[in-house]
C-alpha atoms as a PDB file:
ATOM      1  CA  MET A   1       9.368 -18.391  -9.563  1.00  0.00           C
ATOM      2  CA  ASN A   2      11.662 -20.407  -7.505  1.00  0.00           C
ATOM      3  CA  ASP A   3       8.921 -22.232  -5.215  1.00  0.00           C
ATOM      4  CA  SER A   4      11.371 -22.445  -1.874  1.00  0.00           C
ATOM      5  CA  ILE A   5      11.553 -18.518  -2.040  1.00  0.00           C
ATOM      6  CA  SER A   6       7.180 -18.848  -2.081  1.00  0.00           C
ATOM      7  CA  ILE A   7       7.507 -21.397   0.214  1.00  0.00           C
ATOM      8  CA  ASN A   8       9.532 -19.753   2.772  1.00  0.00           C
ATOM      9  CA  LEU A   9       7.953 -16.030   1.816  1.00  0.00           C
ATOM     10  CA  PRO A  10       4.425 -16.255   1.124  1.00  0.00           C
ATOM     11  CA  ASN A  11       3.858 -12.692   0.178  1.00  0.00           C
ATOM     12  CA  MET A  12       6.970 -12.301  -2.434  1.00  0.00           C
ATOM     13  CA  PRO A  13       5.010 -12.327  -5.273  1.00  0.00           C
ATOM     14  CA  LEU A  14       2.651  -9.420  -3.879  1.00  0.00           C
ATOM     15  CA  PHE A  15       6.393  -7.750  -2.642  1.00  0.00           C
ATOM     16  CA  GLN A  16       7.627  -8.391  -6.202  1.00  0.00           C
ATOM     17  CA  ALA A  17       4.497  -6.843  -7.837  1.00  0.00           C
ATOM     18  CA  VAL A  18       4.359  -3.873  -5.584  1.00  0.00           C
ATOM     19  CA  VAL A  19       8.411  -3.170  -6.104  1.00  0.00           C
ATOM     20  CA  CYS A  20       8.246  -3.301  -9.832  1.00  0.00           C
ATOM     21  CA  HIS A  21       4.896  -1.111 -10.020  1.00  0.00           C
ATOM     22  CA  VAL A  22       6.509   1.928  -7.598  1.00  0.00           C
ATOM     23  CA  MET A  23       9.565   1.617  -9.671  1.00  0.00           C
ATOM     24  CA  LYS A  24       8.162   1.824 -13.225  1.00  0.00           C
ATOM     25  CA  GLN A  25       5.473   4.603 -12.261  1.00  0.00           C
ATOM     26  CA  THR A  26       8.446   6.482 -10.497  1.00  0.00           C
ATOM     27  CA  GLN A  27      10.983   5.908 -13.105  1.00  0.00           C
ATOM     28  CA  THR A  28       8.668   7.320 -15.842  1.00  0.00           C
ATOM     29  CA  VAL A  29       8.150  10.028 -14.470  1.00  0.00           C
ATOM     30  CA  PHE A  30      11.387  10.822 -12.530  1.00  0.00           C
ATOM     31  CA  PRO A  31      12.296  13.835 -11.511  1.00  0.00           C
ATOM     32  CA  ASN A  32       8.663  14.309 -10.942  1.00  0.00           C
ATOM     33  CA  LYS A  33       7.011  13.094  -7.706  1.00  0.00           C
ATOM     34  CA  ILE A  34       3.665  10.931  -8.004  1.00  0.00           C
ATOM     35  CA  ASP A  35       0.804   9.714  -5.593  1.00  0.00           C
ATOM     36  CA  ILE A  36      -0.034   6.667  -4.439  1.00  0.00           C
ATOM     37  CA  SER A  37      -3.087   5.038  -3.224  1.00  0.00           C
ATOM     38  CA  CYS A  38      -2.678   1.869  -1.660  1.00  0.00           C
ATOM     39  CA  SER A  39      -6.606   1.069  -2.231  1.00  0.00           C
ATOM     40  CA  THR A  40      -6.365   1.992  -5.622  1.00  0.00           C
ATOM     41  CA  LEU A  41      -3.291  -0.307  -6.665  1.00  0.00           C
ATOM     42  CA  ALA A  42      -4.962  -3.161  -4.648  1.00  0.00           C
ATOM     43  CA  HIS A  43      -8.034  -3.067  -6.762  1.00  0.00           C
ATOM     44  CA  MET A  44      -5.879  -2.359  -9.799  1.00  0.00           C
ATOM     45  CA  LEU A  45      -4.013  -5.937  -9.089  1.00  0.00           C
ATOM     46  CA  ILE A  46      -7.272  -7.512  -8.024  1.00  0.00           C
ATOM     47  CA  ASN A  47      -8.434  -6.476 -11.080  1.00  0.00           C
ATOM     48  CA  GLN A  48      -5.708  -7.712 -13.653  1.00  0.00           C
ATOM     49  CA  GLY A  49      -6.046 -11.236 -11.610  1.00  0.00           C
ATOM     50  CA  GLY A  50      -2.816 -11.711  -9.890  1.00  0.00           C
ATOM     51  CA  PHE A  51      -3.875 -11.508  -6.630  1.00  0.00           C
ATOM     52  CA  ASN A  52      -7.300 -13.139  -5.033  1.00  0.00           C
ATOM     53  CA  CYS A  53      -8.102 -11.967  -1.937  1.00  0.00           C
ATOM     54  CA  ASP A  54     -11.382 -11.163   0.536  1.00  0.00           C
ATOM     55  CA  SER A  55     -10.706  -7.700   1.431  1.00  0.00           C
ATOM     56  CA  PRO A  56      -9.007  -5.201  -0.781  1.00  0.00           C
ATOM     57  CA  LEU A  57      -8.321  -3.427   2.250  1.00  0.00           C
ATOM     58  CA  ASP A  58      -6.351  -6.451   3.756  1.00  0.00           C
ATOM     59  CA  LEU A  59      -4.492  -6.041   0.157  1.00  0.00           C
ATOM     60  CA  ALA A  60      -3.962  -2.463   0.466  1.00  0.00           C
ATOM     61  CA  ILE A  61      -2.781  -3.138   4.164  1.00  0.00           C
ATOM     62  CA  GLU A  62       0.323  -5.219   2.652  1.00  0.00           C
ATOM     63  CA  ILE A  63       0.547  -2.926   0.028  1.00  0.00           C
ATOM     64  CA  SER A  64       1.405  -0.049   2.634  1.00  0.00           C
ATOM     65  CA  ALA A  65       3.916  -2.590   4.364  1.00  0.00           C
ATOM     66  CA  ALA A  66       6.102  -3.117   1.007  1.00  0.00           C
ATOM     67  CA  ILE A  67       5.740   1.057   0.291  1.00  0.00           C
ATOM     68  CA  ASP A  68       7.130   1.358   3.879  1.00  0.00           C
ATOM     69  CA  TRP A  69       9.878  -1.049   3.313  1.00  0.00           C
ATOM     70  CA  LEU A  70      10.519   0.455   0.186  1.00  0.00           C
ATOM     71  CA  GLU A  71      11.461   3.804   1.586  1.00  0.00           C
ATOM     72  CA  LYS A  72      13.231   2.317   4.928  1.00  0.00           C
ATOM     73  CA  ALA A  73      15.386   0.553   2.241  1.00  0.00           C
ATOM     74  CA  GLY A  74      16.564   3.615   0.583  1.00  0.00           C
ATOM     75  CA  LEU A  75      14.703   2.982  -3.048  1.00  0.00           C
ATOM     76  CA  ILE A  76      12.250   5.803  -2.670  1.00  0.00           C
ATOM     77  CA  TRP A  77      11.581   8.816  -1.129  1.00  0.00           C
ATOM     78  CA  PHE A  78       8.038  10.252   0.335  1.00  0.00           C
ATOM     79  CA  GLY A  79       6.672  13.529   1.255  1.00  0.00           C
ATOM     80  CA  GLY A  80       4.245  12.365   3.192  1.00  0.00           C
ATOM     81  CA  HIS A  81       1.957   9.377   3.996  1.00  0.00           C
ATOM     82  CA  GLU A  82      -1.704   9.156   5.784  1.00  0.00           C
ATOM     83  CA  LEU A  83      -3.350   5.831   6.307  1.00  0.00           C
ATOM     84  CA  ASN A  84      -2.722   4.157   3.280  1.00  0.00           C
ATOM     85  CA  ASP A  85      -1.653   6.854   0.688  1.00  0.00           C
ATOM     86  CA  TYR A  86       1.477   8.294   0.113  1.00  0.00           C
ATOM     87  CA  PHE A  87       2.449  11.448  -1.353  1.00  0.00           C
ATOM     88  CA  ASP A  88       5.001  13.482  -3.167  1.00  0.00           C
ATOM     89  CA  VAL A  89       7.137   9.817  -4.051  1.00  0.00           C
ATOM     90  CA  THR A  90      10.019   9.716  -5.948  1.00  0.00           C
ATOM     91  CA  LEU A  91      13.034   7.333  -6.701  1.00  0.00           C
ATOM     92  CA  SER A  92      15.639   7.680  -4.507  1.00  0.00           C
ATOM     93  CA  LYS A  93      19.289   8.728  -5.542  1.00  0.00           C
ATOM     94  CA  HIS A  94      20.324   4.814  -4.761  1.00  0.00           C
ATOM     95  CA  ALA A  95      17.352   3.485  -6.852  1.00  0.00           C
ATOM     96  CA  LEU A  96      18.277   5.902  -9.927  1.00  0.00           C
ATOM     97  CA  ALA A  97      21.675   4.642  -9.782  1.00  0.00           C
ATOM     98  CA  LYS A  98      20.566   0.836  -9.776  1.00  0.00           C
ATOM     99  CA  LEU A  99      18.127   1.466 -12.678  1.00  0.00           C
ATOM    100  CA  LEU A 100      20.747   3.276 -14.454  1.00  0.00           C
ATOM    101  CA  SER A 101      23.371   0.368 -14.099  1.00  0.00           C
ATOM    102  CA  ASP A 102      24.204  -2.116 -16.332  1.00  0.00           C
ATOM    103  CA  ILE A 103      23.484  -6.117 -15.516  1.00  0.00           C
ATOM    104  CA  ASN A 104      23.551  -8.626 -17.918  1.00  0.00           C
ATOM    105  CA  GLY A 105      24.179  -6.879 -20.855  1.00  0.00           C
ATOM    106  CA  SER A 106      21.265  -4.470 -20.507  1.00  0.00           C
ATOM    107  CA  ASN A 107      20.147  -1.578 -17.929  1.00  0.00           C
ATOM    108  CA  LEU A 108      18.074  -2.577 -14.953  1.00  0.00           C
ATOM    109  CA  ALA A 109      15.084   0.034 -15.876  1.00  0.00           C
ATOM    110  CA  SER A 110      15.038  -1.417 -19.172  1.00  0.00           C
ATOM    111  CA  GLN A 111      14.563  -5.425 -17.171  1.00  0.00           C
ATOM    112  CA  LEU A 112      12.159  -3.496 -15.329  1.00  0.00           C
ATOM    113  CA  ALA A 113       9.859  -2.266 -18.228  1.00  0.00           C
ATOM    114  CA  LYS A 114       9.664  -6.145 -19.563  1.00  0.00           C
ATOM    115  CA  ALA A 115       9.459  -7.693 -15.904  1.00  0.00           C
ATOM    116  CA  THR A 116       6.221  -9.122 -16.366  1.00  0.00           C
ATOM    117  CA  THR A 117       6.532 -12.582 -15.171  1.00  0.00           C
ATOM    118  CA  ASN A 118       7.068 -13.771 -11.388  1.00  0.00           C
ATOM    119  CA  GLU A 119      10.747 -14.887 -12.503  1.00  0.00           C
ATOM    120  CA  GLN A 120      11.927 -11.441 -14.209  1.00  0.00           C
ATOM    121  CA  GLN A 121      10.415  -9.637 -11.343  1.00  0.00           C
ATOM    122  CA  LEU A 122      12.112 -11.581  -8.649  1.00  0.00           C
ATOM    123  CA  ALA A 123      15.489 -11.038 -10.690  1.00  0.00           C
ATOM    124  CA  VAL A 124      14.660  -7.300 -10.822  1.00  0.00           C
ATOM    125  CA  VAL A 125      14.258  -7.246  -7.217  1.00  0.00           C
ATOM    126  CA  LYS A 126      16.874  -8.865  -6.299  1.00  0.00           C
ATOM    127  CA  GLN A 127      19.013  -6.032  -8.342  1.00  0.00           C
ATOM    128  CA  LEU A 128      17.026  -3.715  -6.823  1.00  0.00           C
ATOM    129  CA  ILE A 129      17.954  -5.050  -3.041  1.00  0.00           C
ATOM    130  CA  ALA A 130      21.469  -6.235  -3.670  1.00  0.00           C
END
């Protein structure tokens, strides 16, 4: 990942991971909706070894903030929210259009599917929020 971004925005790796996870999950089942538990996602990220934290609850709160941001940015819609759980989450029409658009010779959805490194996730996130 670009060092200047990680210095200026220290939560960017977590944000990228959350964005990519939520977009992949909602894209996979589109047009159906999913429920997201921030606590479950926090445990998954910790178990994958990418994020160390003393409290999964603290990580779940950060994940919840990222999901709220996605909704306010118009990339997802959700039907309800309670504590750190989101219900009936789906792609917005804006996000769907972005994922289907051709960027650098392949659509963003296929780039998202392959985004496993910080650099790849950052590239996808930049395209989603552009």
